[in-house]
Amino acid sequence: MLPQSFLKIVKKYTEPTELTPAILREFVEKVVVHAPDRSSGHRVQRIDVHYTFIGEIDLSPEYSKYEKETTA
């Protein structure tokens, strides 16, 4: 179950017309930018977004699928 404070923030921004710094500050706890990796011959850089009350959502399987489709 989601904390009540998270639901309060979501209700506050049910229909935003633009993504503002204030909205980002409320929903994103931190962003971690890793060093670039060039071992594959291409520059790849991992970025982790940690959301408030939710934590990090790992999107690497989707990224790997996208990467294979675009390089094939």
PDB file of N, CA and C in Angstrom:
ATOM      1  N   MET A   1       0.842  -1.178   0.000  1.00  0.00           N
ATOM      2  CA  MET A   1       0.000   0.000   0.000  1.00  0.00           C
ATOM      3  C   MET A   1       0.888   1.243   0.000  1.00  0.00           C
ATOM      4  N   LEU A   2       0.493   2.226  -0.767  1.00  0.00           N
ATOM      5  CA  LEU A   2       1.261   3.466  -0.852  1.00  0.00           C
ATOM      6  C   LEU A   2       1.005   4.349   0.363  1.00  0.00           C
ATOM      7  N   PRO A   3       2.033   5.045   0.817  1.00  0.00           N
ATOM      8  CA  PRO A   3       1.852   5.956   1.948  1.00  0.00           C
ATOM      9  C   PRO A   3       0.873   7.084   1.594  1.00  0.00           C
ATOM     10  N   GLN A   4       0.162   7.555   2.583  1.00  0.00           N
ATOM     11  CA  GLN A   4      -0.799   8.633   2.385  1.00  0.00           C
ATOM     12  C   GLN A   4      -0.135   9.902   1.850  1.00  0.00           C
ATOM     13  N   SER A   5       1.097  10.161   2.269  1.00  0.00           N
ATOM     14  CA  SER A   5       1.788  11.364   1.804  1.00  0.00           C
ATOM     15  C   SER A   5       2.050  11.301   0.297  1.00  0.00           C
ATOM     16  N   PHE A   6       2.333  10.108  -0.230  1.00  0.00           N
ATOM     17  CA  PHE A   6       2.512   9.961  -1.672  1.00  0.00           C
ATOM     18  C   PHE A   6       1.195  10.225  -2.402  1.00  0.00           C
ATOM     19  N   LEU A   7       0.123   9.673  -1.899  1.00  0.00           N
ATOM     20  CA  LEU A   7      -1.186   9.881  -2.517  1.00  0.00           C
ATOM     21  C   LEU A   7      -1.582  11.355  -2.500  1.00  0.00           C
ATOM     22  N   LYS A   8      -1.206  12.052  -1.436  1.00  0.00           N
ATOM     23  CA  LYS A   8      -1.492  13.483  -1.338  1.00  0.00           C
ATOM     24  C   LYS A   8      -0.786  14.254  -2.445  1.00  0.00           C
ATOM     25  N   ILE A   9       0.478  13.903  -2.721  1.00  0.00           N
ATOM     26  CA  ILE A   9       1.236  14.560  -3.780  1.00  0.00           C
ATOM     27  C   ILE A   9       0.626  14.241  -5.145  1.00  0.00           C
ATOM     28  N   VAL A  10       0.253  12.984  -5.363  1.00  0.00           N
ATOM     29  CA  VAL A  10      -0.334  12.591  -6.645  1.00  0.00           C
ATOM     30  C   VAL A  10      -1.632  13.345  -6.894  1.00  0.00           C
ATOM     31  N   LYS A  11      -2.471  13.461  -5.879  1.00  0.00           N
ATOM     32  CA  LYS A  11      -3.740  14.185  -6.030  1.00  0.00           C
ATOM     33  C   LYS A  11      -3.500  15.666  -6.330  1.00  0.00           C
ATOM     34  N   LYS A  12      -2.410  16.209  -5.811  1.00  0.00           N
ATOM     35  CA  LYS A  12      -2.081  17.612  -6.024  1.00  0.00           C
ATOM     36  C   LYS A  12      -1.767  17.891  -7.499  1.00  0.00           C
ATOM     37  N   TYR A  13      -1.232  16.885  -8.191  1.00  0.00           N
ATOM     38  CA  TYR A  13      -0.814  17.060  -9.583  1.00  0.00           C
ATOM     39  C   TYR A  13      -1.546  16.093 -10.519  1.00  0.00           C
ATOM     40  N   THR A  14      -2.850  16.009 -10.424  1.00  0.00           N
ATOM     41  CA  THR A  14      -3.590  15.056 -11.264  1.00  0.00           C
ATOM     42  C   THR A  14      -3.613  15.447 -12.736  1.00  0.00           C
ATOM     43  N   GLU A  15      -3.589  16.716 -13.052  1.00  0.00           N
ATOM     44  CA  GLU A  15      -3.618  17.158 -14.442  1.00  0.00           C
ATOM     45  C   GLU A  15      -2.599  18.273 -14.695  1.00  0.00           C
ATOM     46  N   PRO A  16      -1.313  17.965 -14.591  1.00  0.00           N
ATOM     47  CA  PRO A  16      -0.321  19.026 -14.828  1.00  0.00           C
ATOM     48  C   PRO A  16      -0.268  19.398 -16.311  1.00  0.00           C
ATOM     49  N   THR A  17      -0.042  20.652 -16.577  1.00  0.00           N
ATOM     50  CA  THR A  17       0.071  21.112 -17.960  1.00  0.00           C
ATOM     51  C   THR A  17       1.528  21.188 -18.405  1.00  0.00           C
ATOM     52  N   GLU A  18       2.446  21.177 -17.440  1.00  0.00           N
ATOM     53  CA  GLU A  18       3.871  21.178 -17.760  1.00  0.00           C
ATOM     54  C   GLU A  18       4.647  20.548 -16.611  1.00  0.00           C
ATOM     55  N   LEU A  19       5.837  20.052 -16.920  1.00  0.00           N
ATOM     56  CA  LEU A  19       6.707  19.465 -15.906  1.00  0.00           C
ATOM     57  C   LEU A  19       7.598  20.571 -15.369  1.00  0.00           C
ATOM     58  N   THR A  20       7.360  20.956 -14.132  1.00  0.00           N
ATOM     59  CA  THR A  20       8.097  22.062 -13.529  1.00  0.00           C
ATOM     60  C   THR A  20       9.138  21.539 -12.545  1.00  0.00           C
ATOM     61  N   PRO A  21      10.121  22.355 -12.198  1.00  0.00           N
ATOM     62  CA  PRO A  21      11.086  21.945 -11.178  1.00  0.00           C
ATOM     63  C   PRO A  21      10.409  21.584  -9.842  1.00  0.00           C
ATOM     64  N   ALA A  22       9.342  22.270  -9.491  1.00  0.00           N
ATOM     65  CA  ALA A  22       8.635  21.974  -8.235  1.00  0.00           C
ATOM     66  C   ALA A  22       8.037  20.566  -8.266  1.00  0.00           C
ATOM     67  N   ILE A  23       7.458  20.200  -9.375  1.00  0.00           N
ATOM     68  CA  ILE A  23       6.887  18.853  -9.498  1.00  0.00           C
ATOM     69  C   ILE A  23       7.987  17.808  -9.414  1.00  0.00           C
ATOM     70  N   LEU A  24       9.089  18.029 -10.119  1.00  0.00           N
ATOM     71  CA  LEU A  24      10.205  17.083 -10.075  1.00  0.00           C
ATOM     72  C   LEU A  24      10.744  16.912  -8.668  1.00  0.00           C
ATOM     73  N   ARG A  25      10.892  18.022  -7.938  1.00  0.00           N
ATOM     74  CA  ARG A  25      11.413  17.939  -6.561  1.00  0.00           C
ATOM     75  C   ARG A  25      10.507  17.100  -5.671  1.00  0.00           C
ATOM     76  N   GLU A  26       9.214  17.134  -5.907  1.00  0.00           N
ATOM     77  CA  GLU A  26       8.296  16.365  -5.066  1.00  0.00           C
ATOM     78  C   GLU A  26       8.271  14.882  -5.422  1.00  0.00           C
ATOM     79  N   PHE A  27       8.474  14.550  -6.689  1.00  0.00           N
ATOM     80  CA  PHE A  27       8.386  13.154  -7.109  1.00  0.00           C
ATOM     81  C   PHE A  27       9.725  12.431  -7.196  1.00  0.00           C
ATOM     82  N   VAL A  28      10.829  13.165  -7.392  1.00  0.00           N
ATOM     83  CA  VAL A  28      12.145  12.544  -7.553  1.00  0.00           C
ATOM     84  C   VAL A  28      12.998  12.832  -6.327  1.00  0.00           C
ATOM     85  N   GLU A  29      13.448  11.763  -5.689  1.00  0.00           N
ATOM     86  CA  GLU A  29      14.293  11.900  -4.498  1.00  0.00           C
ATOM     87  C   GLU A  29      15.734  12.215  -4.883  1.00  0.00           C
ATOM     88  N   LYS A  30      16.274  11.447  -5.857  1.00  0.00           N
ATOM     89  CA  LYS A  30      17.644  11.706  -6.311  1.00  0.00           C
ATOM     90  C   LYS A  30      17.865  11.059  -7.672  1.00  0.00           C
ATOM     91  N   VAL A  31      18.891  11.554  -8.357  1.00  0.00           N
ATOM     92  CA  VAL A  31      19.301  11.017  -9.650  1.00  0.00           C
ATOM     93  C   VAL A  31      20.783  10.681  -9.534  1.00  0.00           C
ATOM     94  N   VAL A  32      21.135   9.431  -9.872  1.00  0.00           N
ATOM     95  CA  VAL A  32      22.518   8.985  -9.810  1.00  0.00           C
ATOM     96  C   VAL A  32      23.005   8.774 -11.248  1.00  0.00           C
ATOM     97  N   VAL A  33      24.055   9.505 -11.628  1.00  0.00           N
ATOM     98  CA  VAL A  33      24.630   9.379 -12.966  1.00  0.00           C
ATOM     99  C   VAL A  33      25.952   8.642 -12.831  1.00  0.00           C
ATOM    100  N   HIS A  34      26.044   7.482 -13.486  1.00  0.00           N
ATOM    101  CA  HIS A  34      27.244   6.652 -13.413  1.00  0.00           C
ATOM    102  C   HIS A  34      28.249   7.066 -14.485  1.00  0.00           C
ATOM    103  N   ALA A  35      29.468   6.630 -14.309  1.00  0.00           N
ATOM    104  CA  ALA A  35      30.521   6.922 -15.285  1.00  0.00           C
ATOM    105  C   ALA A  35      30.188   6.244 -16.613  1.00  0.00           C
ATOM    106  N   PRO A  36      30.570   6.843 -17.733  1.00  0.00           N
ATOM    107  CA  PRO A  36      30.287   6.226 -19.025  1.00  0.00           C
ATOM    108  C   PRO A  36      31.071   4.931 -19.216  1.00  0.00           C
ATOM    109  N   ASP A  37      30.472   4.007 -19.956  1.00  0.00           N
ATOM    110  CA  ASP A  37      31.093   2.718 -20.263  1.00  0.00           C
ATOM    111  C   ASP A  37      31.295   2.651 -21.773  1.00  0.00           C
ATOM    112  N   ARG A  38      32.516   2.438 -22.196  1.00  0.00           N
ATOM    113  CA  ARG A  38      32.819   2.365 -23.633  1.00  0.00           C
ATOM    114  C   ARG A  38      33.292   0.966 -24.032  1.00  0.00           C
ATOM    115  N   SER A  39      33.097  -0.045 -23.173  1.00  0.00           N
ATOM    116  CA  SER A  39      33.620  -1.387 -23.435  1.00  0.00           C
ATOM    117  C   SER A  39      33.004  -2.045 -24.661  1.00  0.00           C
ATOM    118  N   SER A  40      31.798  -1.649 -25.059  1.00  0.00           N
ATOM    119  CA  SER A  40      31.142  -2.243 -26.224  1.00  0.00           C
ATOM    120  C   SER A  40      31.498  -1.521 -27.524  1.00  0.00           C
ATOM    121  N   GLY A  41      32.298  -0.477 -27.426  1.00  0.00           N
ATOM    122  CA  GLY A  41      32.615   0.322 -28.598  1.00  0.00           C
ATOM    123  C   GLY A  41      31.697   1.523 -28.730  1.00  0.00           C
ATOM    124  N   HIS A  42      30.614   1.536 -27.965  1.00  0.00           N
ATOM    125  CA  HIS A  42      29.686   2.658 -27.931  1.00  0.00           C
ATOM    126  C   HIS A  42      29.704   3.251 -26.532  1.00  0.00           C
ATOM    127  N   ARG A  43      29.438   4.520 -26.443  1.00  0.00           N
ATOM    128  CA  ARG A  43      29.374   5.172 -25.130  1.00  0.00           C
ATOM    129  C   ARG A  43      27.990   4.930 -24.538  1.00  0.00           C
ATOM    130  N   VAL A  44      27.951   4.243 -23.403  1.00  0.00           N
ATOM    131  CA  VAL A  44      26.702   3.963 -22.694  1.00  0.00           C
ATOM    132  C   VAL A  44      26.851   4.518 -21.292  1.00  0.00           C
ATOM    133  N   GLN A  45      25.837   5.228 -20.825  1.00  0.00           N
ATOM    134  CA  GLN A  45      25.898   5.810 -19.491  1.00  0.00           C
ATOM    135  C   GLN A  45      24.622   5.481 -18.745  1.00  0.00           C
ATOM    136  N   ARG A  46      24.769   4.863 -17.588  1.00  0.00           N
ATOM    137  CA  ARG A  46      23.623   4.470 -16.772  1.00  0.00           C
ATOM    138  C   ARG A  46      23.188   5.638 -15.892  1.00  0.00           C
ATOM    139  N   ILE A  47      21.885   5.845 -15.827  1.00  0.00           N
ATOM    140  CA  ILE A  47      21.312   6.880 -14.979  1.00  0.00           C
ATOM    141  C   ILE A  47      20.208   6.239 -14.147  1.00  0.00           C
ATOM    142  N   ASP A  48      20.304   6.336 -12.828  1.00  0.00           N
ATOM    143  CA  ASP A  48      19.301   5.777 -11.922  1.00  0.00           C
ATOM    144  C   ASP A  48      18.462   6.907 -11.347  1.00  0.00           C
ATOM    145  N   VAL A  49      17.152   6.787 -11.478  1.00  0.00           N
ATOM    146  CA  VAL A  49      16.233   7.778 -10.915  1.00  0.00           C
ATOM    147  C   VAL A  49      15.552   7.137  -9.714  1.00  0.00           C
ATOM    148  N   HIS A  50      15.681   7.749  -8.554  1.00  0.00           N
ATOM    149  CA  HIS A  50      15.062   7.254  -7.321  1.00  0.00           C
ATOM    150  C   HIS A  50      13.859   8.151  -7.021  1.00  0.00           C
ATOM    151  N   TYR A  51      12.688   7.543  -7.078  1.00  0.00           N
ATOM    152  CA  TYR A  51      11.447   8.289  -6.876  1.00  0.00           C
ATOM    153  C   TYR A  51      11.070   8.345  -5.398  1.00  0.00           C
ATOM    154  N   THR A  52      10.487   9.429  -4.969  1.00  0.00           N
ATOM    155  CA  THR A  52      10.052   9.601  -3.597  1.00  0.00           C
ATOM    156  C   THR A  52       9.003   8.543  -3.265  1.00  0.00           C
ATOM    157  N   PHE A  53       9.149   7.887  -2.142  1.00  0.00           N
ATOM    158  CA  PHE A  53       8.245   6.867  -1.618  1.00  0.00           C
ATOM    159  C   PHE A  53       8.250   5.563  -2.413  1.00  0.00           C
ATOM    160  N   ILE A  54       8.851   5.522  -3.598  1.00  0.00           N
ATOM    161  CA  ILE A  54       8.827   4.314  -4.419  1.00  0.00           C
ATOM    162  C   ILE A  54      10.211   3.702  -4.529  1.00  0.00           C
ATOM    163  N   GLY A  55      11.225   4.542  -4.651  1.00  0.00           N
ATOM    164  CA  GLY A  55      12.579   4.060  -4.832  1.00  0.00           C
ATOM    165  C   GLY A  55      12.955   4.016  -6.297  1.00  0.00           C
ATOM    166  N   GLU A  56      13.960   3.228  -6.611  1.00  0.00           N
ATOM    167  CA  GLU A  56      14.452   3.129  -7.984  1.00  0.00           C
ATOM    168  C   GLU A  56      13.628   2.116  -8.760  1.00  0.00           C
ATOM    169  N   ILE A  57      13.310   2.446  -9.991  1.00  0.00           N
ATOM    170  CA  ILE A  57      12.613   1.513 -10.877  1.00  0.00           C
ATOM    171  C   ILE A  57      13.616   1.095 -11.939  1.00  0.00           C
ATOM    172  N   ASP A  58      13.914  -0.196 -12.006  1.00  0.00           N
ATOM    173  CA  ASP A  58      14.915  -0.696 -12.936  1.00  0.00           C
ATOM    174  C   ASP A  58      14.290  -0.885 -14.314  1.00  0.00           C
ATOM    175  N   LEU A  59      14.727  -0.096 -15.271  1.00  0.00           N
ATOM    176  CA  LEU A  59      14.216  -0.175 -16.631  1.00  0.00           C
ATOM    177  C   LEU A  59      15.215  -0.841 -17.575  1.00  0.00           C
ATOM    178  N   SER A  60      16.235  -1.469 -17.041  1.00  0.00           N
ATOM    179  CA  SER A  60      17.279  -2.025 -17.896  1.00  0.00           C
ATOM    180  C   SER A  60      16.786  -3.088 -18.878  1.00  0.00           C
ATOM    181  N   PRO A  61      15.824  -3.966 -18.562  1.00  0.00           N
ATOM    182  CA  PRO A  61      15.352  -4.913 -19.587  1.00  0.00           C
ATOM    183  C   PRO A  61      14.732  -4.198 -20.791  1.00  0.00           C
ATOM    184  N   GLU A  62      13.963  -3.145 -20.558  1.00  0.00           N
ATOM    185  CA  GLU A  62      13.379  -2.388 -21.661  1.00  0.00           C
ATOM    186  C   GLU A  62      14.473  -1.695 -22.462  1.00  0.00           C
ATOM    187  N   TYR A  63      15.472  -1.171 -21.786  1.00  0.00           N
ATOM    188  CA  TYR A  63      16.573  -0.509 -22.480  1.00  0.00           C
ATOM    189  C   TYR A  63      17.314  -1.506 -23.352  1.00  0.00           C
ATOM    190  N   SER A  64      17.593  -2.700 -22.830  1.00  0.00           N
ATOM    191  CA  SER A  64      18.304  -3.713 -23.587  1.00  0.00           C
ATOM    192  C   SER A  64      17.513  -4.093 -24.834  1.00  0.00           C
ATOM    193  N   LYS A  65      16.190  -4.229 -24.726  1.00  0.00           N
ATOM    194  CA  LYS A  65      15.337  -4.559 -25.861  1.00  0.00           C
ATOM    195  C   LYS A  65      15.404  -3.435 -26.890  1.00  0.00           C
ATOM    196  N   TYR A  66      15.315  -2.187 -26.450  1.00  0.00           N
ATOM    197  CA  TYR A  66      15.369  -1.030 -27.346  1.00  0.00           C
ATOM    198  C   TYR A  66      16.717  -0.985 -28.050  1.00  0.00           C
ATOM    199  N   GLU A  67      17.782  -1.217 -27.303  1.00  0.00           N
ATOM    200  CA  GLU A  67      19.128  -1.156 -27.877  1.00  0.00           C
ATOM    201  C   GLU A  67      19.293  -2.204 -28.974  1.00  0.00           C
ATOM    202  N   LYS A  68      18.800  -3.435 -28.758  1.00  0.00           N
ATOM    203  CA  LYS A  68      18.911  -4.497 -29.757  1.00  0.00           C
ATOM    204  C   LYS A  68      18.112  -4.138 -31.019  1.00  0.00           C
ATOM    205  N   GLU A  69      16.946  -3.549 -30.861  1.00  0.00           N
ATOM    206  CA  GLU A  69      16.112  -3.190 -32.011  1.00  0.00           C
ATOM    207  C   GLU A  69      16.747  -2.079 -32.838  1.00  0.00           C
ATOM    208  N   THR A  70      17.406  -1.130 -32.192  1.00  0.00           N
ATOM    209  CA  THR A  70      17.962   0.005 -32.927  1.00  0.00           C
ATOM    210  C   THR A  70      19.314  -0.298 -33.546  1.00  0.00           C
ATOM    211  N   THR A  71      20.045  -1.277 -33.014  1.00  0.00           N
ATOM    212  CA  THR A  71      21.368  -1.598 -33.558  1.00  0.00           C
ATOM    213  C   THR A  71      21.322  -2.751 -34.525  1.00  0.00           C
ATOM    214  N   ALA A  72      20.216  -3.460 -34.607  1.00  0.00           N
ATOM    215  CA  ALA A  72      20.120  -4.633 -35.493  1.00  0.00           C
ATOM    216  C   ALA A  72      19.876  -4.235 -36.928  1.00  0.00           C
TER     217      ALA A  72
END
